Amino acid sequence: MACEKEDDNKLAPPHDLPELLKKLRERTPARLLAGRSGAAYRTSTQMELREAHAAARDAVREELSLLADLGEDFARKWNLFEVSSRATSKDEYLLRPDLGRHFDDASRIQLNRHSAAEQDLQIAIGDGLSVTAVAMQVPRLLPLLCDGARARGWSVGSIFVVRHCRVGILNEIGESLRPTIAVLLIGERPGLATAESLSAYMAYRPKASDTDANRNLISNIHARGVSPEHAAQRILNLAALMMKIHESGFQLREELPAKVESERLPP
């Protein structure tokens, strides 16, 4: 009888679902209509959730390795170099977010030595809360950003990677290098939907007193969210708008590309 009850509560296999429901499932990583066995998830759903939770924990705990995560050829092509925040370990980084918002003394010297100041666009890559996201998205996104910026005639500063990085380090990038636009590509906090999601935080001439209100964000950059191609287009368009109006933050309204608009779900 228990087996019969479980069969009765199962959701129909994906190929038996109505076309509308199949399309819904294809458009989101959310676990819609997962079905159940009695009052609980089915075993397959429970195993998927445990796998996703393990992937999220691994993404948060993993230490960034520039050559291993981004590839030696990629690092050499883009002349990437590594700097660090004041957090000296992953544990300290997780327990002390304030340390992740400031460069250590050696990194400040290294930045001033290797990076030209007052560029139109300065891109930094931060490990954040998901090294997995950095490894998966940056190799596709970074070339699109740099090629698009140079096509617009913008100067691009030397790109660097920040270990144990928090979003607030944008302020120190602004104070040290004084770019017109600073962009931080940083791993998002992973969830049970994906551990591969990247964010792009942006600011116009960031300075020490800036808060989140002075920044703009493009999030959910991953295979089933905002694609790297669309993300690059949005970042460049937003940077151009910042340069035009000489400000960033909550008062700036992003003008979404038509292709992105057209991919939204109908009401």
C-alpha atoms as a PDB file:
ATOM      1  CA  MET A   1       0.000   0.000   0.000  1.00  0.00           C
ATOM      2  CA  ALA A   2       2.867   2.375   0.778  1.00  0.00           C
ATOM      3  CA  CYS A   3       4.277   1.843  -2.682  1.00  0.00           C
ATOM      4  CA  GLU A   4       0.907   2.501  -4.243  1.00  0.00           C
ATOM      5  CA  LYS A   5       0.529   5.738  -2.254  1.00  0.00           C
ATOM      6  CA  GLU A   6       3.967   6.912  -3.311  1.00  0.00           C
ATOM      7  CA  ASP A   7       3.160   6.245  -6.961  1.00  0.00           C
ATOM      8  CA  ASP A   8      -0.110   8.176  -6.653  1.00  0.00           C
ATOM      9  CA  ASN A   9       1.692  11.268  -5.306  1.00  0.00           C
ATOM     10  CA  LYS A  10       4.454  11.307  -7.869  1.00  0.00           C
ATOM     11  CA  LEU A  11       4.494  14.073 -10.409  1.00  0.00           C
ATOM     12  CA  ALA A  12       4.182  12.891 -13.975  1.00  0.00           C
ATOM     13  CA  PRO A  13       7.524  12.267 -15.732  1.00  0.00           C
ATOM     14  CA  PRO A  14       8.853  15.341 -17.587  1.00  0.00           C
ATOM     15  CA  HIS A  15       7.861  13.969 -21.001  1.00  0.00           C
ATOM     16  CA  ASP A  16       4.238  13.610 -19.811  1.00  0.00           C
ATOM     17  CA  LEU A  17       3.915  17.177 -18.540  1.00  0.00           C
ATOM     18  CA  PRO A  18       1.822  19.727 -20.428  1.00  0.00           C
ATOM     19  CA  GLU A  19       3.884  21.838 -22.805  1.00  0.00           C
ATOM     20  CA  LEU A  20       3.422  25.001 -20.719  1.00  0.00           C
ATOM     21  CA  LEU A  21       4.850  23.320 -17.609  1.00  0.00           C
ATOM     22  CA  LYS A  22       7.829  21.966 -19.552  1.00  0.00           C
ATOM     23  CA  LYS A  23       8.575  25.464 -20.825  1.00  0.00           C
ATOM     24  CA  LEU A  24       8.342  26.851 -17.285  1.00  0.00           C
ATOM     25  CA  ARG A  25      10.882  24.308 -16.074  1.00  0.00           C
ATOM     26  CA  GLU A  26      13.236  25.165 -18.910  1.00  0.00           C
ATOM     27  CA  ARG A  27      13.209  28.895 -18.056  1.00  0.00           C
ATOM     28  CA  THR A  28      14.265  28.702 -14.409  1.00  0.00           C
ATOM     29  CA  PRO A  29      16.648  26.695 -12.223  1.00  0.00           C
ATOM     30  CA  ALA A  30      14.013  26.761  -9.460  1.00  0.00           C
ATOM     31  CA  ARG A  31      12.660  23.352  -8.513  1.00  0.00           C
ATOM     32  CA  LEU A  32       9.099  23.822  -9.707  1.00  0.00           C
ATOM     33  CA  LEU A  33       6.563  20.992  -9.504  1.00  0.00           C
ATOM     34  CA  ALA A  34       9.094  18.577  -8.031  1.00  0.00           C
ATOM     35  CA  GLY A  35       6.425  16.170  -6.800  1.00  0.00           C
ATOM     36  CA  ARG A  36       6.317  14.365  -3.473  1.00  0.00           C
ATOM     37  CA  SER A  37       6.062  11.030  -1.732  1.00  0.00           C
ATOM     38  CA  GLY A  38       3.471  11.365   0.979  1.00  0.00           C
ATOM     39  CA  ALA A  39       4.375  14.553   2.874  1.00  0.00           C
ATOM     40  CA  ALA A  40       8.041  14.471   1.846  1.00  0.00           C
ATOM     41  CA  TYR A  41      10.145  15.101  -1.242  1.00  0.00           C
ATOM     42  CA  ARG A  42      10.847  12.101  -3.434  1.00  0.00           C
ATOM     43  CA  THR A  43      14.220  10.426  -2.941  1.00  0.00           C
ATOM     44  CA  SER A  44      15.570  11.794  -6.221  1.00  0.00           C
ATOM     45  CA  THR A  45      14.666  15.356  -5.180  1.00  0.00           C
ATOM     46  CA  GLN A  46      16.249  14.885  -1.760  1.00  0.00           C
ATOM     47  CA  MET A  47      19.471  13.672  -3.386  1.00  0.00           C
ATOM     48  CA  GLU A  48      19.500  16.641  -5.788  1.00  0.00           C
ATOM     49  CA  LEU A  49      19.091  19.052  -2.866  1.00  0.00           C
ATOM     50  CA  ARG A  50      21.932  17.412  -0.936  1.00  0.00           C
ATOM     51  CA  GLU A  51      24.160  17.578  -4.005  1.00  0.00           C
ATOM     52  CA  ALA A  52      23.341  21.265  -4.523  1.00  0.00           C
ATOM     53  CA  HIS A  53      24.012  22.021  -0.846  1.00  0.00           C
ATOM     54  CA  ALA A  54      27.397  20.293  -1.044  1.00  0.00           C
ATOM     55  CA  ALA A  55      28.280  22.278  -4.182  1.00  0.00           C
ATOM     56  CA  ALA A  56      27.327  25.536  -2.434  1.00  0.00           C
ATOM     57  CA  ARG A  57      29.497  24.708   0.600  1.00  0.00           C
ATOM     58  CA  ASP A  58      32.433  23.793  -1.631  1.00  0.00           C
ATOM     59  CA  ALA A  59      32.072  27.040  -3.610  1.00  0.00           C
ATOM     60  CA  VAL A  60      32.189  29.139  -0.430  1.00  0.00           C
ATOM     61  CA  ARG A  61      35.063  27.273   1.224  1.00  0.00           C
ATOM     62  CA  GLU A  62      37.311  26.862  -1.806  1.00  0.00           C
ATOM     63  CA  GLU A  63      40.442  29.013  -1.975  1.00  0.00           C
ATOM     64  CA  LEU A  64      41.088  30.833  -5.244  1.00  0.00           C
ATOM     65  CA  SER A  65      43.995  29.631  -7.377  1.00  0.00           C
ATOM     66  CA  LEU A  66      44.617  32.019 -10.253  1.00  0.00           C
ATOM     67  CA  LEU A  67      46.273  29.490 -12.565  1.00  0.00           C
ATOM     68  CA  ALA A  68      44.139  26.488 -11.626  1.00  0.00           C
ATOM     69  CA  ASP A  69      40.761  28.256 -11.664  1.00  0.00           C
ATOM     70  CA  LEU A  70      41.216  30.586 -14.624  1.00  0.00           C
ATOM     71  CA  GLY A  71      43.890  28.706 -16.535  1.00  0.00           C
ATOM     72  CA  GLU A  72      47.531  29.496 -17.180  1.00  0.00           C
ATOM     73  CA  ASP A  73      46.936  30.519 -20.808  1.00  0.00           C
ATOM     74  CA  PHE A  74      44.052  32.819 -19.845  1.00  0.00           C
ATOM     75  CA  ALA A  75      46.043  34.439 -17.034  1.00  0.00           C
ATOM     76  CA  ARG A  76      49.011  35.002 -19.339  1.00  0.00           C
ATOM     77  CA  LYS A  77      46.890  36.398 -22.179  1.00  0.00           C
ATOM     78  CA  TRP A  78      45.272  39.018 -19.934  1.00  0.00           C
ATOM     79  CA  ASN A  79      48.377  39.663 -17.802  1.00  0.00           C
ATOM     80  CA  LEU A  80      46.418  38.910 -14.647  1.00  0.00           C
ATOM     81  CA  PHE A  81      48.098  39.369 -11.306  1.00  0.00           C
ATOM     82  CA  GLU A  82      46.842  38.659  -7.814  1.00  0.00           C
ATOM     83  CA  VAL A  83      46.400  40.954  -4.844  1.00  0.00           C
ATOM     84  CA  SER A  84      44.715  40.369  -1.501  1.00  0.00           C
ATOM     85  CA  SER A  85      42.441  41.971   1.012  1.00  0.00           C
ATOM     86  CA  ARG A  86      43.368  42.251   4.677  1.00  0.00           C
ATOM     87  CA  ALA A  87      41.748  38.892   5.388  1.00  0.00           C
ATOM     88  CA  THR A  88      44.561  36.367   5.667  1.00  0.00           C
ATOM     89  CA  SER A  89      42.483  33.166   5.455  1.00  0.00           C
ATOM     90  CA  LYS A  90      39.081  31.982   4.280  1.00  0.00           C
ATOM     91  CA  ASP A  91      37.912  31.597   7.876  1.00  0.00           C
ATOM     92  CA  GLU A  92      38.913  35.168   8.722  1.00  0.00           C
ATOM     93  CA  TYR A  93      37.288  36.383   5.521  1.00  0.00           C
ATOM     94  CA  LEU A  94      33.976  34.737   6.443  1.00  0.00           C
ATOM     95  CA  LEU A  95      34.062  35.943  10.047  1.00  0.00           C
ATOM     96  CA  ARG A  96      35.327  39.480   9.351  1.00  0.00           C
ATOM     97  CA  PRO A  97      33.623  40.972   6.249  1.00  0.00           C
ATOM     98  CA  ASP A  98      35.217  44.352   7.015  1.00  0.00           C
ATOM     99  CA  LEU A  99      38.690  42.975   6.263  1.00  0.00           C
ATOM    100  CA  GLY A 100      37.590  41.954   2.788  1.00  0.00           C
ATOM    101  CA  ARG A 101      36.799  45.573   1.881  1.00  0.00           C
ATOM    102  CA  HIS A 102      40.397  46.809   2.124  1.00  0.00           C
ATOM    103  CA  PHE A 103      43.663  45.890   0.411  1.00  0.00           C
ATOM    104  CA  ASP A 104      46.577  44.823   2.535  1.00  0.00           C
ATOM    105  CA  ASP A 105      49.682  47.036   2.419  1.00  0.00           C
ATOM    106  CA  ALA A 106      51.618  44.836  -0.027  1.00  0.00           C
ATOM    107  CA  SER A 107      48.684  44.812  -2.459  1.00  0.00           C
ATOM    108  CA  ARG A 108      48.436  48.611  -2.473  1.00  0.00           C
ATOM    109  CA  ILE A 109      52.097  48.816  -3.471  1.00  0.00           C
ATOM    110  CA  GLN A 110      51.587  46.153  -6.145  1.00  0.00           C
ATOM    111  CA  LEU A 111      48.556  47.948  -7.594  1.00  0.00           C
ATOM    112  CA  ASN A 112      50.403  51.240  -7.862  1.00  0.00           C
ATOM    113  CA  ARG A 113      53.329  49.487  -9.512  1.00  0.00           C
ATOM    114  CA  HIS A 114      51.409  47.440 -12.098  1.00  0.00           C
ATOM    115  CA  SER A 115      48.247  49.460 -12.834  1.00  0.00           C
ATOM    116  CA  ALA A 116      47.988  52.760 -14.662  1.00  0.00           C
ATOM    117  CA  ALA A 117      45.763  55.300 -12.951  1.00  0.00           C
ATOM    118  CA  GLU A 118      42.839  57.308 -14.348  1.00  0.00           C
ATOM    119  CA  GLN A 119      41.703  54.799 -16.992  1.00  0.00           C
ATOM    120  CA  ASP A 120      38.195  54.921 -18.436  1.00  0.00           C
ATOM    121  CA  LEU A 121      37.414  51.386 -17.262  1.00  0.00           C
ATOM    122  CA  GLN A 122      39.058  49.389 -14.496  1.00  0.00           C
ATOM    123  CA  ILE A 123      38.034  45.734 -14.140  1.00  0.00           C
ATOM    124  CA  ALA A 124      38.831  43.660 -11.070  1.00  0.00           C
ATOM    125  CA  ILE A 125      37.968  40.018 -10.392  1.00  0.00           C
ATOM    126  CA  GLY A 126      37.080  39.038  -6.820  1.00  0.00           C
ATOM    127  CA  ASP A 127      36.655  35.514  -5.467  1.00  0.00           C
ATOM    128  CA  GLY A 128      33.780  36.611  -3.224  1.00  0.00           C
ATOM    129  CA  LEU A 129      31.600  33.779  -1.942  1.00  0.00           C
ATOM    130  CA  SER A 130      31.965  31.503  -4.969  1.00  0.00           C
ATOM    131  CA  VAL A 131      35.266  30.639  -6.597  1.00  0.00           C
ATOM    132  CA  THR A 132      33.233  28.268  -8.788  1.00  0.00           C
ATOM    133  CA  ALA A 133      31.360  31.217 -10.303  1.00  0.00           C
ATOM    134  CA  VAL A 134      34.613  33.031 -11.096  1.00  0.00           C
ATOM    135  CA  ALA A 135      36.089  29.944 -12.770  1.00  0.00           C
ATOM    136  CA  MET A 136      32.950  29.291 -14.823  1.00  0.00           C
ATOM    137  CA  GLN A 137      31.941  32.797 -15.961  1.00  0.00           C
ATOM    138  CA  VAL A 138      34.995  35.071 -16.077  1.00  0.00           C
ATOM    139  CA  PRO A 139      36.801  33.334 -18.991  1.00  0.00           C
ATOM    140  CA  ARG A 140      33.791  34.038 -21.221  1.00  0.00           C
ATOM    141  CA  LEU A 141      32.810  37.425 -19.833  1.00  0.00           C
ATOM    142  CA  LEU A 142      36.164  39.212 -19.553  1.00  0.00           C
ATOM    143  CA  PRO A 143      37.141  39.104 -23.263  1.00  0.00           C
ATOM    144  CA  LEU A 144      33.705  40.417 -24.228  1.00  0.00           C
ATOM    145  CA  LEU A 145      34.041  43.328 -21.812  1.00  0.00           C
ATOM    146  CA  CYS A 146      37.546  44.284 -22.899  1.00  0.00           C
ATOM    147  CA  ASP A 147      36.823  43.981 -26.621  1.00  0.00           C
ATOM    148  CA  GLY A 148      33.610  45.976 -26.228  1.00  0.00           C
ATOM    149  CA  ALA A 149      35.321  48.703 -24.204  1.00  0.00           C
ATOM    150  CA  ARG A 150      38.128  49.121 -26.721  1.00  0.00           C
ATOM    151  CA  ALA A 151      35.622  49.179 -29.583  1.00  0.00           C
ATOM    152  CA  ARG A 152      34.099  52.214 -27.854  1.00  0.00           C
ATOM    153  CA  GLY A 153      37.521  53.865 -27.634  1.00  0.00           C
ATOM    154  CA  TRP A 154      37.861  53.471 -23.864  1.00  0.00           C
ATOM    155  CA  SER A 155      41.145  52.883 -22.088  1.00  0.00           C
ATOM    156  CA  VAL A 156      41.189  49.772 -19.890  1.00  0.00           C
ATOM    157  CA  GLY A 157      43.372  49.428 -16.815  1.00  0.00           C
ATOM    158  CA  SER A 158      45.444  46.349 -15.972  1.00  0.00           C
ATOM    159  CA  ILE A 159      43.122  43.614 -14.735  1.00  0.00           C
ATOM    160  CA  PHE A 160      43.812  41.970 -11.396  1.00  0.00           C
ATOM    161  CA  VAL A 161      42.347  39.306  -9.138  1.00  0.00           C
ATOM    162  CA  VAL A 162      41.515  40.017  -5.481  1.00  0.00           C
ATOM    163  CA  ARG A 163      41.711  37.170  -2.984  1.00  0.00           C
ATOM    164  CA  HIS A 164      39.235  37.211  -0.047  1.00  0.00           C
ATOM    165  CA  CYS A 165      37.303  40.041  -1.669  1.00  0.00           C
ATOM    166  CA  ARG A 166      34.152  41.905  -0.615  1.00  0.00           C
ATOM    167  CA  VAL A 167      32.167  44.353  -2.731  1.00  0.00           C
ATOM    168  CA  GLY A 168      33.311  47.362  -0.706  1.00  0.00           C
ATOM    169  CA  ILE A 169      36.807  47.017  -2.128  1.00  0.00           C
ATOM    170  CA  LEU A 170      35.472  49.004  -5.096  1.00  0.00           C
ATOM    171  CA  ASN A 171      35.991  52.100  -2.941  1.00  0.00           C
ATOM    172  CA  GLU A 172      39.679  51.352  -2.492  1.00  0.00           C
ATOM    173  CA  ILE A 173      40.063  50.651  -6.202  1.00  0.00           C
ATOM    174  CA  GLY A 174      38.618  54.102  -6.817  1.00  0.00           C
ATOM    175  CA  GLU A 175      40.897  55.777  -4.283  1.00  0.00           C
ATOM    176  CA  SER A 176      44.043  53.991  -5.495  1.00  0.00           C
ATOM    177  CA  LEU A 177      43.595  53.984  -9.278  1.00  0.00           C
ATOM    178  CA  ARG A 178      40.996  56.753  -9.851  1.00  0.00           C
ATOM    179  CA  PRO A 179      39.232  55.153 -12.853  1.00  0.00           C
ATOM    180  CA  THR A 180      36.164  56.737 -14.380  1.00  0.00           C
ATOM    181  CA  ILE A 181      34.253  53.454 -14.037  1.00  0.00           C
ATOM    182  CA  ALA A 182      35.240  50.556 -11.782  1.00  0.00           C
ATOM    183  CA  VAL A 183      33.772  47.093 -12.370  1.00  0.00           C
ATOM    184  CA  LEU A 184      34.109  44.239  -9.890  1.00  0.00           C
ATOM    185  CA  LEU A 185      33.290  40.746 -11.155  1.00  0.00           C
ATOM    186  CA  ILE A 186      32.680  38.727  -7.998  1.00  0.00           C
ATOM    187  CA  GLY A 187      31.286  35.324  -7.063  1.00  0.00           C
ATOM    188  CA  GLU A 188      27.786  35.496  -5.596  1.00  0.00           C
ATOM    189  CA  ARG A 189      26.686  33.710  -2.463  1.00  0.00           C
ATOM    190  CA  PRO A 190      25.693  30.265  -3.803  1.00  0.00           C
ATOM    191  CA  GLY A 191      22.262  28.787  -3.230  1.00  0.00           C
ATOM    192  CA  LEU A 192      20.488  25.533  -3.951  1.00  0.00           C
ATOM    193  CA  ALA A 193      19.697  26.659  -7.506  1.00  0.00           C
ATOM    194  CA  THR A 194      23.308  27.234  -8.583  1.00  0.00           C
ATOM    195  CA  ALA A 195      26.800  27.775  -7.190  1.00  0.00           C
ATOM    196  CA  GLU A 196      28.026  29.256 -10.486  1.00  0.00           C
ATOM    197  CA  SER A 197      26.425  32.698 -10.404  1.00  0.00           C
ATOM    198  CA  LEU A 198      28.597  35.795 -10.865  1.00  0.00           C
ATOM    199  CA  SER A 199      27.792  39.441 -10.111  1.00  0.00           C
ATOM    200  CA  ALA A 200      29.140  42.628 -11.676  1.00  0.00           C
ATOM    201  CA  TYR A 201      29.196  45.606  -9.291  1.00  0.00           C
ATOM    202  CA  MET A 202      29.870  48.984 -10.881  1.00  0.00           C
ATOM    203  CA  ALA A 203      30.526  52.515  -9.685  1.00  0.00           C
ATOM    204  CA  TYR A 204      31.326  55.895 -11.188  1.00  0.00           C
ATOM    205  CA  ARG A 205      34.555  57.268  -9.669  1.00  0.00           C
ATOM    206  CA  PRO A 206      34.161  55.259  -6.424  1.00  0.00           C
ATOM    207  CA  LYS A 207      35.519  56.792  -3.239  1.00  0.00           C
ATOM    208  CA  ALA A 208      35.939  55.857   0.400  1.00  0.00           C
ATOM    209  CA  SER A 209      32.578  57.267   1.532  1.00  0.00           C
ATOM    210  CA  ASP A 210      30.513  55.339  -1.047  1.00  0.00           C
ATOM    211  CA  THR A 211      27.877  52.809   0.020  1.00  0.00           C
ATOM    212  CA  ASP A 212      25.736  50.310  -1.884  1.00  0.00           C
ATOM    213  CA  ALA A 213      23.491  53.239  -2.822  1.00  0.00           C
ATOM    214  CA  ASN A 214      26.309  54.561  -5.027  1.00  0.00           C
ATOM    215  CA  ARG A 215      26.759  51.273  -6.917  1.00  0.00           C
ATOM    216  CA  ASN A 216      24.899  49.413  -9.616  1.00  0.00           C
ATOM    217  CA  LEU A 217      24.608  45.663  -9.923  1.00  0.00           C
ATOM    218  CA  ILE A 218      24.091  43.100 -12.649  1.00  0.00           C
ATOM    219  CA  SER A 219      23.606  39.717 -10.996  1.00  0.00           C
ATOM    220  CA  ASN A 220      22.756  36.108 -11.862  1.00  0.00           C
ATOM    221  CA  ILE A 221      25.388  35.809 -14.572  1.00  0.00           C
ATOM    222  CA  HIS A 222      25.419  32.104 -15.368  1.00  0.00           C
ATOM    223  CA  ALA A 223      24.226  29.606 -17.966  1.00  0.00           C
ATOM    224  CA  ARG A 224      20.563  29.617 -16.889  1.00  0.00           C
ATOM    225  CA  GLY A 225      20.464  33.272 -15.818  1.00  0.00           C
ATOM    226  CA  VAL A 226      21.993  36.262 -17.591  1.00  0.00           C
ATOM    227  CA  SER A 227      24.412  34.925 -20.200  1.00  0.00           C
ATOM    228  CA  PRO A 228      27.950  36.374 -20.323  1.00  0.00           C
ATOM    229  CA  GLU A 229      27.128  37.889 -23.727  1.00  0.00           C
ATOM    230  CA  HIS A 230      24.086  39.758 -22.388  1.00  0.00           C
ATOM    231  CA  ALA A 231      25.924  40.657 -19.192  1.00  0.00           C
ATOM    232  CA  ALA A 232      28.784  42.223 -21.160  1.00  0.00           C
ATOM    233  CA  GLN A 233      26.343  44.270 -23.233  1.00  0.00           C
ATOM    234  CA  ARG A 234      24.539  45.484 -20.112  1.00  0.00           C
ATOM    235  CA  ILE A 235      27.772  46.336 -18.272  1.00  0.00           C
ATOM    236  CA  LEU A 236      29.115  48.344 -21.212  1.00  0.00           C
ATOM    237  CA  ASN A 237      25.823  50.157 -21.764  1.00  0.00           C
ATOM    238  CA  LEU A 238      25.599  50.988 -18.071  1.00  0.00           C
ATOM    239  CA  ALA A 239      29.198  52.225 -18.033  1.00  0.00           C
ATOM    240  CA  ALA A 240      28.459  54.475 -21.018  1.00  0.00           C
ATOM    241  CA  LEU A 241      25.435  55.909 -19.216  1.00  0.00           C
ATOM    242  CA  MET A 242      27.503  56.572 -16.086  1.00  0.00           C
ATOM    243  CA  MET A 243      30.083  58.416 -18.156  1.00  0.00           C
ATOM    244  CA  LYS A 244      27.332  60.468 -19.752  1.00  0.00           C
ATOM    245  CA  ILE A 245      25.571  61.592 -16.564  1.00  0.00           C
ATOM    246  CA  HIS A 246      28.639  61.498 -14.269  1.00  0.00           C
ATOM    247  CA  GLU A 247      27.034  59.413 -11.536  1.00  0.00           C
ATOM    248  CA  SER A 248      26.039  55.892 -10.527  1.00  0.00           C
ATOM    249  CA  GLY A 249      23.795  54.260  -7.968  1.00  0.00           C
ATOM    250  CA  PHE A 250      20.102  54.206  -7.174  1.00  0.00           C
ATOM    251  CA  GLN A 251      19.288  57.325  -9.205  1.00  0.00           C
ATOM    252  CA  LEU A 252      20.547  55.703 -12.421  1.00  0.00           C
ATOM    253  CA  ARG A 253      18.066  53.663 -14.427  1.00  0.00           C
ATOM    254  CA  GLU A 254      19.526  50.889 -16.563  1.00  0.00           C
ATOM    255  CA  GLU A 255      18.364  50.772 -20.169  1.00  0.00           C
ATOM    256  CA  LEU A 256      18.057  47.059 -20.902  1.00  0.00           C
ATOM    257  CA  PRO A 257      19.011  45.773 -24.372  1.00  0.00           C
ATOM    258  CA  ALA A 258      16.030  44.735 -26.467  1.00  0.00           C
ATOM    259  CA  LYS A 259      17.172  41.100 -26.622  1.00  0.00           C
ATOM    260  CA  VAL A 260      17.208  40.824 -22.847  1.00  0.00           C
ATOM    261  CA  GLU A 261      13.755  42.370 -22.617  1.00  0.00           C
ATOM    262  CA  SER A 262      12.368  39.918 -25.177  1.00  0.00           C
ATOM    263  CA  GLU A 263      13.503  36.918 -23.110  1.00  0.00           C
ATOM    264  CA  ARG A 264      11.433  37.793 -20.089  1.00  0.00           C
ATOM    265  CA  LEU A 265       8.605  35.421 -19.222  1.00  0.00           C
ATOM    266  CA  PRO A 266       5.162  36.632 -20.350  1.00  0.00           C
ATOM    267  CA  PRO A 267       2.856  37.811 -17.562  1.00  0.00           C
END
